[in-house]
Amino acid sequence: MSALPVYPWRLAPDGYATRRQLRAQGLRPGGQDVAAQLERPRRRRGPLVAYLYRVDLAKPVRPMTPARWAALGAANAARRTCPACRRDAGYVIPAALGTCVPCAYPDTQTSGV
């Protein structure tokens, strides 16, 4: 296995892109291995690393099918449903609380002041 080429931050040659850059172009890595990496030095810690993929080997993003849209909708609905009262909270339930705000803090009822 050969070592990956390492480029300074923001100085990668044309033809390489990160996952986010590929996605912005409507592409995905498509199973290819990491082709290079960028390193951004930091003062007291190790460098930040970004992996690069070859744009010419990237494949188009797979289109969303009706079944994938339905699965995404069900997953988002599950994130909004309170496990205690089983109601749709209207927002994503915070992981720190685990339940909707009224179930997490039942004693702090707001009065009409």
PDB file of N, CA and C in Angstrom:
ATOM      1  N   MET A   1       0.846  -1.178   0.000  1.00  0.00           N
ATOM      2  CA  MET A   1       0.000   0.000   0.000  1.00  0.00           C
ATOM      3  C   MET A   1       0.889   1.238   0.000  1.00  0.00           C
ATOM      4  N   SER A   2       0.620   2.136  -0.906  1.00  0.00           N
ATOM      5  CA  SER A   2       1.424   3.355  -0.986  1.00  0.00           C
ATOM      6  C   SER A   2       0.804   4.442  -0.109  1.00  0.00           C
ATOM      7  N   ALA A   3       1.627   5.370   0.301  1.00  0.00           N
ATOM      8  CA  ALA A   3       1.163   6.467   1.141  1.00  0.00           C
ATOM      9  C   ALA A   3       0.332   7.449   0.314  1.00  0.00           C
ATOM     10  N   LEU A   4      -0.625   8.067   0.953  1.00  0.00           N
ATOM     11  CA  LEU A   4      -1.465   9.047   0.274  1.00  0.00           C
ATOM     12  C   LEU A   4      -0.700  10.349   0.076  1.00  0.00           C
ATOM     13  N   PRO A   5      -0.917  11.030  -1.048  1.00  0.00           N
ATOM     14  CA  PRO A   5      -0.339  12.364  -1.184  1.00  0.00           C
ATOM     15  C   PRO A   5      -1.020  13.320  -0.209  1.00  0.00           C
ATOM     16  N   VAL A   6      -0.241  14.173   0.418  1.00  0.00           N
ATOM     17  CA  VAL A   6      -0.758  15.126   1.393  1.00  0.00           C
ATOM     18  C   VAL A   6      -0.533  16.529   0.854  1.00  0.00           C
ATOM     19  N   TYR A   7      -1.612  17.331   0.850  1.00  0.00           N
ATOM     20  CA  TYR A   7      -1.542  18.701   0.351  1.00  0.00           C
ATOM     21  C   TYR A   7      -1.851  19.666   1.489  1.00  0.00           C
ATOM     22  N   PRO A   8      -1.276  20.865   1.444  1.00  0.00           N
ATOM     23  CA  PRO A   8      -1.643  21.880   2.431  1.00  0.00           C
ATOM     24  C   PRO A   8      -3.096  22.313   2.236  1.00  0.00           C
ATOM     25  N   TRP A   9      -3.694  22.809   3.303  1.00  0.00           N
ATOM     26  CA  TRP A   9      -5.093  23.230   3.281  1.00  0.00           C
ATOM     27  C   TRP A   9      -5.339  24.228   2.158  1.00  0.00           C
ATOM     28  N   ARG A  10      -6.391  24.030   1.387  1.00  0.00           N
ATOM     29  CA  ARG A  10      -6.820  24.878   0.273  1.00  0.00           C
ATOM     30  C   ARG A  10      -5.895  24.827  -0.950  1.00  0.00           C
ATOM     31  N   LEU A  11      -4.947  23.930  -0.984  1.00  0.00           N
ATOM     32  CA  LEU A  11      -4.028  23.871  -2.119  1.00  0.00           C
ATOM     33  C   LEU A  11      -4.066  22.519  -2.838  1.00  0.00           C
ATOM     34  N   ALA A  12      -5.198  21.875  -2.828  1.00  0.00           N
ATOM     35  CA  ALA A  12      -5.323  20.610  -3.543  1.00  0.00           C
ATOM     36  C   ALA A  12      -5.391  20.880  -5.043  1.00  0.00           C
ATOM     37  N   PRO A  13      -4.812  20.021  -5.856  1.00  0.00           N
ATOM     38  CA  PRO A  13      -4.884  20.231  -7.309  1.00  0.00           C
ATOM     39  C   PRO A  13      -6.295  19.978  -7.830  1.00  0.00           C
ATOM     40  N   ASP A  14      -6.554  20.459  -9.018  1.00  0.00           N
ATOM     41  CA  ASP A  14      -7.855  20.231  -9.654  1.00  0.00           C
ATOM     42  C   ASP A  14      -8.050  18.735  -9.862  1.00  0.00           C
ATOM     43  N   GLY A  15      -9.306  18.322  -9.841  1.00  0.00           N
ATOM     44  CA  GLY A  15      -9.614  16.916 -10.051  1.00  0.00           C
ATOM     45  C   GLY A  15      -9.828  16.148  -8.754  1.00  0.00           C
ATOM     46  N   TYR A  16      -9.629  16.789  -7.607  1.00  0.00           N
ATOM     47  CA  TYR A  16      -9.882  16.173  -6.306  1.00  0.00           C
ATOM     48  C   TYR A  16     -10.969  16.966  -5.592  1.00  0.00           C
ATOM     49  N   ALA A  17     -11.770  16.277  -4.790  1.00  0.00           N
ATOM     50  CA  ALA A  17     -12.834  16.951  -4.046  1.00  0.00           C
ATOM     51  C   ALA A  17     -13.150  16.157  -2.785  1.00  0.00           C
ATOM     52  N   THR A  18     -13.641  16.863  -1.761  1.00  0.00           N
ATOM     53  CA  THR A  18     -14.095  16.210  -0.540  1.00  0.00           C
ATOM     54  C   THR A  18     -15.496  15.646  -0.782  1.00  0.00           C
ATOM     55  N   ARG A  19     -16.012  14.890   0.167  1.00  0.00           N
ATOM     56  CA  ARG A  19     -17.374  14.351   0.037  1.00  0.00           C
ATOM     57  C   ARG A  19     -18.399  15.471  -0.126  1.00  0.00           C
ATOM     58  N   ARG A  20     -18.255  16.516   0.669  1.00  0.00           N
ATOM     59  CA  ARG A  20     -19.206  17.627   0.577  1.00  0.00           C
ATOM     60  C   ARG A  20     -19.123  18.326  -0.775  1.00  0.00           C
ATOM     61  N   GLN A  21     -17.922  18.497  -1.279  1.00  0.00           N
ATOM     62  CA  GLN A  21     -17.773  19.127  -2.583  1.00  0.00           C
ATOM     63  C   GLN A  21     -18.351  18.244  -3.691  1.00  0.00           C
ATOM     64  N   LEU A  22     -18.157  16.932  -3.574  1.00  0.00           N
ATOM     65  CA  LEU A  22     -18.757  16.018  -4.550  1.00  0.00           C
ATOM     66  C   LEU A  22     -20.276  16.114  -4.488  1.00  0.00           C
ATOM     67  N   ARG A  23     -20.822  16.133  -3.274  1.00  0.00           N
ATOM     68  CA  ARG A  23     -22.270  16.183  -3.115  1.00  0.00           C
ATOM     69  C   ARG A  23     -22.846  17.470  -3.696  1.00  0.00           C
ATOM     70  N   ALA A  24     -22.117  18.571  -3.534  1.00  0.00           N
ATOM     71  CA  ALA A  24     -22.578  19.844  -4.101  1.00  0.00           C
ATOM     72  C   ALA A  24     -22.619  19.790  -5.627  1.00  0.00           C
ATOM     73  N   GLN A  25     -21.819  18.925  -6.219  1.00  0.00           N
ATOM     74  CA  GLN A  25     -21.810  18.750  -7.669  1.00  0.00           C
ATOM     75  C   GLN A  25     -22.760  17.648  -8.118  1.00  0.00           C
ATOM     76  N   GLY A  26     -23.487  17.048  -7.175  1.00  0.00           N
ATOM     77  CA  GLY A  26     -24.406  15.968  -7.518  1.00  0.00           C
ATOM     78  C   GLY A  26     -23.712  14.643  -7.708  1.00  0.00           C
ATOM     79  N   LEU A  27     -22.549  14.467  -7.047  1.00  0.00           N
ATOM     80  CA  LEU A  27     -21.767  13.240  -7.194  1.00  0.00           C
ATOM     81  C   LEU A  27     -21.559  12.584  -5.830  1.00  0.00           C
ATOM     82  N   ARG A  28     -21.076  11.346  -5.860  1.00  0.00           N
ATOM     83  CA  ARG A  28     -20.716  10.590  -4.660  1.00  0.00           C
ATOM     84  C   ARG A  28     -19.425   9.841  -4.960  1.00  0.00           C
ATOM     85  N   PRO A  29     -18.658   9.440  -3.923  1.00  0.00           N
ATOM     86  CA  PRO A  29     -17.401   8.727  -4.197  1.00  0.00           C
ATOM     87  C   PRO A  29     -17.599   7.431  -4.979  1.00  0.00           C
ATOM     88  N   GLY A  30     -18.687   6.746  -4.774  1.00  0.00           N
ATOM     89  CA  GLY A  30     -18.975   5.557  -5.565  1.00  0.00           C
ATOM     90  C   GLY A  30     -18.072   4.374  -5.295  1.00  0.00           C
ATOM     91  N   GLY A  31     -17.631   4.204  -4.058  1.00  0.00           N
ATOM     92  CA  GLY A  31     -16.831   3.042  -3.702  1.00  0.00           C
ATOM     93  C   GLY A  31     -15.341   3.193  -3.912  1.00  0.00           C
ATOM     94  N   GLN A  32     -14.899   4.314  -4.438  1.00  0.00           N
ATOM     95  CA  GLN A  32     -13.459   4.489  -4.650  1.00  0.00           C
ATOM     96  C   GLN A  32     -12.761   4.761  -3.317  1.00  0.00           C
ATOM     97  N   ASP A  33     -11.498   4.413  -3.252  1.00  0.00           N
ATOM     98  CA  ASP A  33     -10.704   4.671  -2.062  1.00  0.00           C
ATOM     99  C   ASP A  33     -10.306   6.140  -2.014  1.00  0.00           C
ATOM    100  N   VAL A  34      -9.892   6.587  -0.831  1.00  0.00           N
ATOM    101  CA  VAL A  34      -9.397   7.945  -0.671  1.00  0.00           C
ATOM    102  C   VAL A  34      -8.155   8.113  -1.544  1.00  0.00           C
ATOM    103  N   ALA A  35      -8.114   9.188  -2.322  1.00  0.00           N
ATOM    104  CA  ALA A  35      -7.014   9.394  -3.264  1.00  0.00           C
ATOM    105  C   ALA A  35      -5.920  10.288  -2.687  1.00  0.00           C
ATOM    106  N   ALA A  36      -6.278  11.218  -1.812  1.00  0.00           N
ATOM    107  CA  ALA A  36      -5.306  12.142  -1.226  1.00  0.00           C
ATOM    108  C   ALA A  36      -5.922  12.731   0.030  1.00  0.00           C
ATOM    109  N   GLN A  37      -5.148  13.555   0.721  1.00  0.00           N
ATOM    110  CA  GLN A  37      -5.702  14.223   1.890  1.00  0.00           C
ATOM    111  C   GLN A  37      -5.133  15.628   2.017  1.00  0.00           C
ATOM    112  N   LEU A  38      -5.946  16.473   2.634  1.00  0.00           N
ATOM    113  CA  LEU A  38      -5.533  17.830   2.962  1.00  0.00           C
ATOM    114  C   LEU A  38      -5.221  17.866   4.447  1.00  0.00           C
ATOM    115  N   GLU A  39      -4.232  18.660   4.832  1.00  0.00           N
ATOM    116  CA  GLU A  39      -3.942  18.832   6.253  1.00  0.00           C
ATOM    117  C   GLU A  39      -3.870  20.316   6.568  1.00  0.00           C
ATOM    118  N   ARG A  40      -4.575  20.683   7.611  1.00  0.00           N
ATOM    119  CA  ARG A  40      -4.557  22.057   8.102  1.00  0.00           C
ATOM    120  C   ARG A  40      -3.908  22.039   9.470  1.00  0.00           C
ATOM    121  N   PRO A  41      -2.754  22.662   9.625  1.00  0.00           N
ATOM    122  CA  PRO A  41      -2.076  22.620  10.925  1.00  0.00           C
ATOM    123  C   PRO A  41      -2.851  23.397  11.989  1.00  0.00           C
ATOM    124  N   ARG A  42      -2.727  22.920  13.229  1.00  0.00           N
ATOM    125  CA  ARG A  42      -3.305  23.604  14.381  1.00  0.00           C
ATOM    126  C   ARG A  42      -2.219  23.783  15.422  1.00  0.00           C
ATOM    127  N   ARG A  43      -2.394  24.712  16.318  1.00  0.00           N
ATOM    128  CA  ARG A  43      -1.330  25.062  17.250  1.00  0.00           C
ATOM    129  C   ARG A  43      -1.028  23.988  18.284  1.00  0.00           C
ATOM    130  N   ARG A  44      -2.019  23.526  18.997  1.00  0.00           N
ATOM    131  CA  ARG A  44      -1.746  22.626  20.124  1.00  0.00           C
ATOM    132  C   ARG A  44      -2.250  21.199  19.921  1.00  0.00           C
ATOM    133  N   ARG A  45      -2.814  20.923  18.778  1.00  0.00           N
ATOM    134  CA  ARG A  45      -3.336  19.586  18.507  1.00  0.00           C
ATOM    135  C   ARG A  45      -2.821  19.108  17.160  1.00  0.00           C
ATOM    136  N   GLY A  46      -3.175  17.906  16.833  1.00  0.00           N
ATOM    137  CA  GLY A  46      -2.800  17.376  15.527  1.00  0.00           C
ATOM    138  C   GLY A  46      -3.519  18.122  14.412  1.00  0.00           C
ATOM    139  N   PRO A  47      -3.082  17.963  13.191  1.00  0.00           N
ATOM    140  CA  PRO A  47      -3.690  18.717  12.094  1.00  0.00           C
ATOM    141  C   PRO A  47      -5.105  18.228  11.777  1.00  0.00           C
ATOM    142  N   LEU A  48      -5.919  19.144  11.252  1.00  0.00           N
ATOM    143  CA  LEU A  48      -7.217  18.760  10.720  1.00  0.00           C
ATOM    144  C   LEU A  48      -6.982  18.066   9.388  1.00  0.00           C
ATOM    145  N   VAL A  49      -7.684  16.990   9.153  1.00  0.00           N
ATOM    146  CA  VAL A  49      -7.479  16.214   7.935  1.00  0.00           C
ATOM    147  C   VAL A  49      -8.792  16.145   7.160  1.00  0.00           C
ATOM    148  N   ALA A  50      -8.712  16.369   5.864  1.00  0.00           N
ATOM    149  CA  ALA A  50      -9.853  16.204   4.969  1.00  0.00           C
ATOM    150  C   ALA A  50      -9.447  15.228   3.875  1.00  0.00           C
ATOM    151  N   TYR A  51     -10.268  14.216   3.652  1.00  0.00           N
ATOM    152  CA  TYR A  51      -9.955  13.218   2.637  1.00  0.00           C
ATOM    153  C   TYR A  51     -10.493  13.654   1.284  1.00  0.00           C
ATOM    154  N   LEU A  52      -9.716  13.393   0.260  1.00  0.00           N
ATOM    155  CA  LEU A  52     -10.071  13.801  -1.099  1.00  0.00           C
ATOM    156  C   LEU A  52     -10.318  12.583  -1.981  1.00  0.00           C
ATOM    157  N   TYR A  53     -11.263  12.736  -2.892  1.00  0.00           N
ATOM    158  CA  TYR A  53     -11.614  11.687  -3.848  1.00  0.00           C
ATOM    159  C   TYR A  53     -11.453  12.250  -5.249  1.00  0.00           C
ATOM    160  N   ARG A  54     -11.205  11.374  -6.206  1.00  0.00           N
ATOM    161  CA  ARG A  54     -11.049  11.796  -7.590  1.00  0.00           C
ATOM    162  C   ARG A  54     -12.419  12.080  -8.195  1.00  0.00           C
ATOM    163  N   VAL A  55     -12.541  13.242  -8.799  1.00  0.00           N
ATOM    164  CA  VAL A  55     -13.814  13.648  -9.387  1.00  0.00           C
ATOM    165  C   VAL A  55     -14.135  12.810 -10.615  1.00  0.00           C
ATOM    166  N   ASP A  56     -13.117  12.422 -11.389  1.00  0.00           N
ATOM    167  CA  ASP A  56     -13.377  11.659 -12.614  1.00  0.00           C
ATOM    168  C   ASP A  56     -13.882  10.246 -12.326  1.00  0.00           C
ATOM    169  N   LEU A  57     -13.628   9.711 -11.141  1.00  0.00           N
ATOM    170  CA  LEU A  57     -14.126   8.376 -10.772  1.00  0.00           C
ATOM    171  C   LEU A  57     -15.432   8.429  -9.991  1.00  0.00           C
ATOM    172  N   ALA A  58     -15.892   9.634  -9.651  1.00  0.00           N
ATOM    173  CA  ALA A  58     -17.119   9.777  -8.867  1.00  0.00           C
ATOM    174  C   ALA A  58     -18.331   9.404  -9.716  1.00  0.00           C
ATOM    175  N   LYS A  59     -19.365   8.946  -9.042  1.00  0.00           N
ATOM    176  CA  LYS A  59     -20.600   8.539  -9.715  1.00  0.00           C
ATOM    177  C   LYS A  59     -21.722   9.491  -9.339  1.00  0.00           C
ATOM    178  N   PRO A  60     -22.775   9.560 -10.145  1.00  0.00           N
ATOM    179  CA  PRO A  60     -23.904  10.434  -9.794  1.00  0.00           C
ATOM    180  C   PRO A  60     -24.602   9.950  -8.528  1.00  0.00           C
ATOM    181  N   VAL A  61     -25.180  10.891  -7.805  1.00  0.00           N
ATOM    182  CA  VAL A  61     -25.952  10.559  -6.610  1.00  0.00           C
ATOM    183  C   VAL A  61     -27.189   9.782  -7.040  1.00  0.00           C
ATOM    184  N   ARG A  62     -27.513   8.759  -6.284  1.00  0.00           N
ATOM    185  CA  ARG A  62     -28.705   7.965  -6.600  1.00  0.00           C
ATOM    186  C   ARG A  62     -29.960   8.803  -6.342  1.00  0.00           C
ATOM    187  N   PRO A  63     -30.936   8.743  -7.234  1.00  0.00           N
ATOM    188  CA  PRO A  63     -32.156   9.543  -7.034  1.00  0.00           C
ATOM    189  C   PRO A  63     -33.010   8.979  -5.902  1.00  0.00           C
ATOM    190  N   MET A  64     -33.777   9.865  -5.287  1.00  0.00           N
ATOM    191  CA  MET A  64     -34.684   9.445  -4.220  1.00  0.00           C
ATOM    192  C   MET A  64     -35.905   8.764  -4.842  1.00  0.00           C
ATOM    193  N   THR A  65     -36.175   7.555  -4.405  1.00  0.00           N
ATOM    194  CA  THR A  65     -37.350   6.828  -4.864  1.00  0.00           C
ATOM    195  C   THR A  65     -38.505   7.129  -3.902  1.00  0.00           C
ATOM    196  N   PRO A  66     -39.744   6.820  -4.293  1.00  0.00           N
ATOM    197  CA  PRO A  66     -40.859   7.041  -3.376  1.00  0.00           C
ATOM    198  C   PRO A  66     -40.691   6.280  -2.052  1.00  0.00           C
ATOM    199  N   ALA A  67     -40.114   5.089  -2.105  1.00  0.00           N
ATOM    200  CA  ALA A  67     -39.911   4.324  -0.873  1.00  0.00           C
ATOM    201  C   ALA A  67     -38.870   4.998   0.024  1.00  0.00           C
ATOM    202  N   ARG A  68     -37.826   5.567  -0.567  1.00  0.00           N
ATOM    203  CA  ARG A  68     -36.818   6.266   0.239  1.00  0.00           C
ATOM    204  C   ARG A  68     -37.394   7.543   0.833  1.00  0.00           C
ATOM    205  N   TRP A  69     -38.242   8.270   0.077  1.00  0.00           N
ATOM    206  CA  TRP A  69     -38.907   9.450   0.634  1.00  0.00           C
ATOM    207  C   TRP A  69     -39.800   9.054   1.808  1.00  0.00           C
ATOM    208  N   ALA A  70     -40.527   7.942   1.668  1.00  0.00           N
ATOM    209  CA  ALA A  70     -41.403   7.482   2.751  1.00  0.00           C
ATOM    210  C   ALA A  70     -40.591   7.093   3.981  1.00  0.00           C
ATOM    211  N   ALA A  71     -39.474   6.419   3.781  1.00  0.00           N
ATOM    212  CA  ALA A  71     -38.625   6.031   4.916  1.00  0.00           C
ATOM    213  C   ALA A  71     -38.043   7.260   5.597  1.00  0.00           C
ATOM    214  N   LEU A  72     -37.650   8.265   4.833  1.00  0.00           N
ATOM    215  CA  LEU A  72     -37.119   9.490   5.414  1.00  0.00           C
ATOM    216  C   LEU A  72     -38.195  10.222   6.218  1.00  0.00           C
ATOM    217  N   GLY A  73     -39.412  10.264   5.691  1.00  0.00           N
ATOM    218  CA  GLY A  73     -40.524  10.887   6.417  1.00  0.00           C
ATOM    219  C   GLY A  73     -40.846  10.158   7.708  1.00  0.00           C
ATOM    220  N   ALA A  74     -40.802   8.825   7.669  1.00  0.00           N
ATOM    221  CA  ALA A  74     -41.068   8.042   8.881  1.00  0.00           C
ATOM    222  C   ALA A  74     -39.977   8.248   9.924  1.00  0.00           C
ATOM    223  N   ALA A  75     -38.727   8.332   9.487  1.00  0.00           N
ATOM    224  CA  ALA A  75     -37.622   8.552  10.423  1.00  0.00           C
ATOM    225  C   ALA A  75     -37.726   9.929  11.066  1.00  0.00           C
ATOM    226  N   ASN A  76     -38.074  10.944  10.282  1.00  0.00           N
ATOM    227  CA  ASN A  76     -38.224  12.284  10.845  1.00  0.00           C
ATOM    228  C   ASN A  76     -39.415  12.362  11.790  1.00  0.00           C
ATOM    229  N   ALA A  77     -40.496  11.666  11.468  1.00  0.00           N
ATOM    230  CA  ALA A  77     -41.648  11.640  12.367  1.00  0.00           C
ATOM    231  C   ALA A  77     -41.299  10.959  13.685  1.00  0.00           C
ATOM    232  N   ALA A  78     -40.491   9.913  13.626  1.00  0.00           N
ATOM    233  CA  ALA A  78     -40.081   9.228  14.855  1.00  0.00           C
ATOM    234  C   ALA A  78     -39.215  10.126  15.727  1.00  0.00           C
ATOM    235  N   ARG A  79     -38.437  10.992  15.122  1.00  0.00           N
ATOM    236  CA  ARG A  79     -37.595  11.917  15.895  1.00  0.00           C
ATOM    237  C   ARG A  79     -38.428  12.993  16.577  1.00  0.00           C
ATOM    238  N   ARG A  80     -39.629  13.281  16.050  1.00  0.00           N
ATOM    239  CA  ARG A  80     -40.493  14.301  16.629  1.00  0.00           C
ATOM    240  C   ARG A  80     -41.499  13.736  17.624  1.00  0.00           C
ATOM    241  N   THR A  81     -41.685  12.412  17.654  1.00  0.00           N
ATOM    242  CA  THR A  81     -42.682  11.797  18.522  1.00  0.00           C
ATOM    243  C   THR A  81     -42.107  11.561  19.914  1.00  0.00           C
ATOM    244  N   CYS A  82     -42.800  12.056  20.919  1.00  0.00           N
ATOM    245  CA  CYS A  82     -42.360  11.900  22.304  1.00  0.00           C
ATOM    246  C   CYS A  82     -42.615  10.462  22.749  1.00  0.00           C
ATOM    247  N   PRO A  83     -41.615   9.783  23.322  1.00  0.00           N
ATOM    248  CA  PRO A  83     -41.835   8.410  23.763  1.00  0.00           C
ATOM    249  C   PRO A  83     -42.717   8.319  25.011  1.00  0.00           C
ATOM    250  N   ALA A  84     -42.851   9.391  25.766  1.00  0.00           N
ATOM    251  CA  ALA A  84     -43.664   9.356  26.984  1.00  0.00           C
ATOM    252  C   ALA A  84     -45.144   9.564  26.684  1.00  0.00           C
ATOM    253  N   CYS A  85     -45.479  10.616  25.946  1.00  0.00           N
ATOM    254  CA  CYS A  85     -46.891  10.925  25.697  1.00  0.00           C
ATOM    255  C   CYS A  85     -47.357  10.546  24.297  1.00  0.00           C
ATOM    256  N   ARG A  86     -46.443  10.094  23.440  1.00  0.00           N
ATOM    257  CA  ARG A  86     -46.732   9.630  22.081  1.00  0.00           C
ATOM    258  C   ARG A  86     -47.345  10.710  21.203  1.00  0.00           C
ATOM    259  N   ARG A  87     -47.094  11.986  21.493  1.00  0.00           N
ATOM    260  CA  ARG A  87     -47.599  13.073  20.660  1.00  0.00           C
ATOM    261  C   ARG A  87     -46.479  13.608  19.780  1.00  0.00           C
ATOM    262  N   ASP A  88     -46.876  14.191  18.639  1.00  0.00           N
ATOM    263  CA  ASP A  88     -45.905  14.856  17.773  1.00  0.00           C
ATOM    264  C   ASP A  88     -45.581  16.194  18.411  1.00  0.00           C
ATOM    265  N   ALA A  89     -44.323  16.382  18.806  1.00  0.00           N
ATOM    266  CA  ALA A  89     -43.927  17.598  19.507  1.00  0.00           C
ATOM    267  C   ALA A  89     -43.839  18.798  18.571  1.00  0.00           C
ATOM    268  N   GLY A  90     -43.732  18.570  17.266  1.00  0.00           N
ATOM    269  CA  GLY A  90     -43.595  19.667  16.328  1.00  0.00           C
ATOM    270  C   GLY A  90     -42.155  20.095  16.126  1.00  0.00           C
ATOM    271  N   TYR A  91     -41.249  19.446  16.815  1.00  0.00           N
ATOM    272  CA  TYR A  91     -39.818  19.709  16.703  1.00  0.00           C
ATOM    273  C   TYR A  91     -39.092  18.419  17.009  1.00  0.00           C
ATOM    274  N   VAL A  92     -37.818  18.340  16.690  1.00  0.00           N
ATOM    275  CA  VAL A  92     -37.023  17.149  16.969  1.00  0.00           C
ATOM    276  C   VAL A  92     -36.768  17.105  18.479  1.00  0.00           C
ATOM    277  N   ILE A  93     -37.085  15.993  19.094  1.00  0.00           N
ATOM    278  CA  ILE A  93     -36.906  15.827  20.545  1.00  0.00           C
ATOM    279  C   ILE A  93     -35.410  15.863  20.866  1.00  0.00           C
ATOM    280  N   PRO A  94     -34.974  16.740  21.776  1.00  0.00           N
ATOM    281  CA  PRO A  94     -33.558  16.782  22.123  1.00  0.00           C
ATOM    282  C   PRO A  94     -33.112  15.486  22.787  1.00  0.00           C
ATOM    283  N   ALA A  95     -31.963  14.981  22.383  1.00  0.00           N
ATOM    284  CA  ALA A  95     -31.447  13.741  22.957  1.00  0.00           C
ATOM    285  C   ALA A  95     -31.136  13.911  24.440  1.00  0.00           C
ATOM    286  N   ALA A  96     -30.768  15.108  24.847  1.00  0.00           N
ATOM    287  CA  ALA A  96     -30.453  15.348  26.254  1.00  0.00           C
ATOM    288  C   ALA A  96     -31.686  15.191  27.128  1.00  0.00           C
ATOM    289  N   LEU A  97     -32.858  15.530  26.602  1.00  0.00           N
ATOM    290  CA  LEU A  97     -34.096  15.384  27.383  1.00  0.00           C
ATOM    291  C   LEU A  97     -34.685  13.994  27.225  1.00  0.00           C
ATOM    292  N   GLY A  98     -34.728  13.513  26.008  1.00  0.00           N
ATOM    293  CA  GLY A  98     -35.310  12.199  25.753  1.00  0.00           C
ATOM    294  C   GLY A  98     -36.814  12.223  25.590  1.00  0.00           C
ATOM    295  N   THR A  99     -37.450  13.302  26.004  1.00  0.00           N
ATOM    296  CA  THR A  99     -38.893  13.477  25.863  1.00  0.00           C
ATOM    297  C   THR A  99     -39.154  14.913  25.433  1.00  0.00           C
ATOM    298  N   CYS A 100     -40.428  15.222  25.150  1.00  0.00           N
ATOM    299  CA  CYS A 100     -40.765  16.597  24.803  1.00  0.00           C
ATOM    300  C   CYS A 100     -40.619  17.468  26.056  1.00  0.00           C
ATOM    301  N   VAL A 101     -40.578  18.759  25.874  1.00  0.00           N
ATOM    302  CA  VAL A 101     -40.343  19.676  27.001  1.00  0.00           C
ATOM    303  C   VAL A 101     -41.441  19.579  28.051  1.00  0.00           C
ATOM    304  N   PRO A 102     -42.740  19.520  27.701  1.00  0.00           N
ATOM    305  CA  PRO A 102     -43.757  19.387  28.755  1.00  0.00           C
ATOM    306  C   PRO A 102     -43.616  18.092  29.567  1.00  0.00           C
ATOM    307  N   CYS A 103     -43.190  17.006  28.941  1.00  0.00           N
ATOM    308  CA  CYS A 103     -42.996  15.755  29.692  1.00  0.00           C
ATOM    309  C   CYS A 103     -41.718  15.806  30.527  1.00  0.00           C
ATOM    310  N   ALA A 104     -40.694  16.510  30.045  1.00  0.00           N
ATOM    311  CA  ALA A 104     -39.431  16.583  30.765  1.00  0.00           C
ATOM    312  C   ALA A 104     -39.543  17.490  31.978  1.00  0.00           C
ATOM    313  N   TYR A 105     -40.342  18.557  31.877  1.00  0.00           N
ATOM    314  CA  TYR A 105     -40.502  19.514  32.979  1.00  0.00           C
ATOM    315  C   TYR A 105     -41.985  19.689  33.292  1.00  0.00           C
ATOM    316  N   PRO A 106     -42.627  18.684  33.889  1.00  0.00           N
ATOM    317  CA  PRO A 106     -44.071  18.773  34.121  1.00  0.00           C
ATOM    318  C   PRO A 106     -44.463  19.775  35.221  1.00  0.00           C
ATOM    319  N   ASP A 107     -43.557  20.097  36.128  1.00  0.00           N
ATOM    320  CA  ASP A 107     -43.892  20.972  37.247  1.00  0.00           C
ATOM    321  C   ASP A 107     -43.852  22.444  36.875  1.00  0.00           C
ATOM    322  N   THR A 108     -43.213  22.789  35.807  1.00  0.00           N
ATOM    323  CA  THR A 108     -43.055  24.190  35.434  1.00  0.00           C
ATOM    324  C   THR A 108     -44.150  24.590  34.444  1.00  0.00           C
ATOM    325  N   GLN A 109     -45.404  24.544  34.892  1.00  0.00           N
ATOM    326  CA  GLN A 109     -46.526  24.955  34.065  1.00  0.00           C
ATOM    327  C   GLN A 109     -46.575  26.467  34.033  1.00  0.00           C
ATOM    328  N   THR A 110     -46.698  27.012  32.842  1.00  0.00           N
ATOM    329  CA  THR A 110     -46.774  28.465  32.737  1.00  0.00           C
ATOM    330  C   THR A 110     -48.189  28.914  33.043  1.00  0.00           C
ATOM    331  N   SER A 111     -48.294  29.898  33.885  1.00  0.00           N
ATOM    332  CA  SER A 111     -49.617  30.438  34.212  1.00  0.00           C
ATOM    333  C   SER A 111     -49.842  31.689  33.391  1.00  0.00           C
ATOM    334  N   GLY A 112     -51.078  32.063  33.201  1.00  0.00           N
ATOM    335  CA  GLY A 112     -51.411  33.239  32.404  1.00  0.00           C
ATOM    336  C   GLY A 112     -51.127  34.504  33.181  1.00  0.00           C
ATOM    337  N   VAL A 113     -49.876  34.910  33.243  1.00  0.00           N
ATOM    338  CA  VAL A 113     -49.511  36.116  33.995  1.00  0.00           C
ATOM    339  C   VAL A 113     -49.431  37.283  33.075  1.00  0.00           C
TER     340      VAL A 113
END
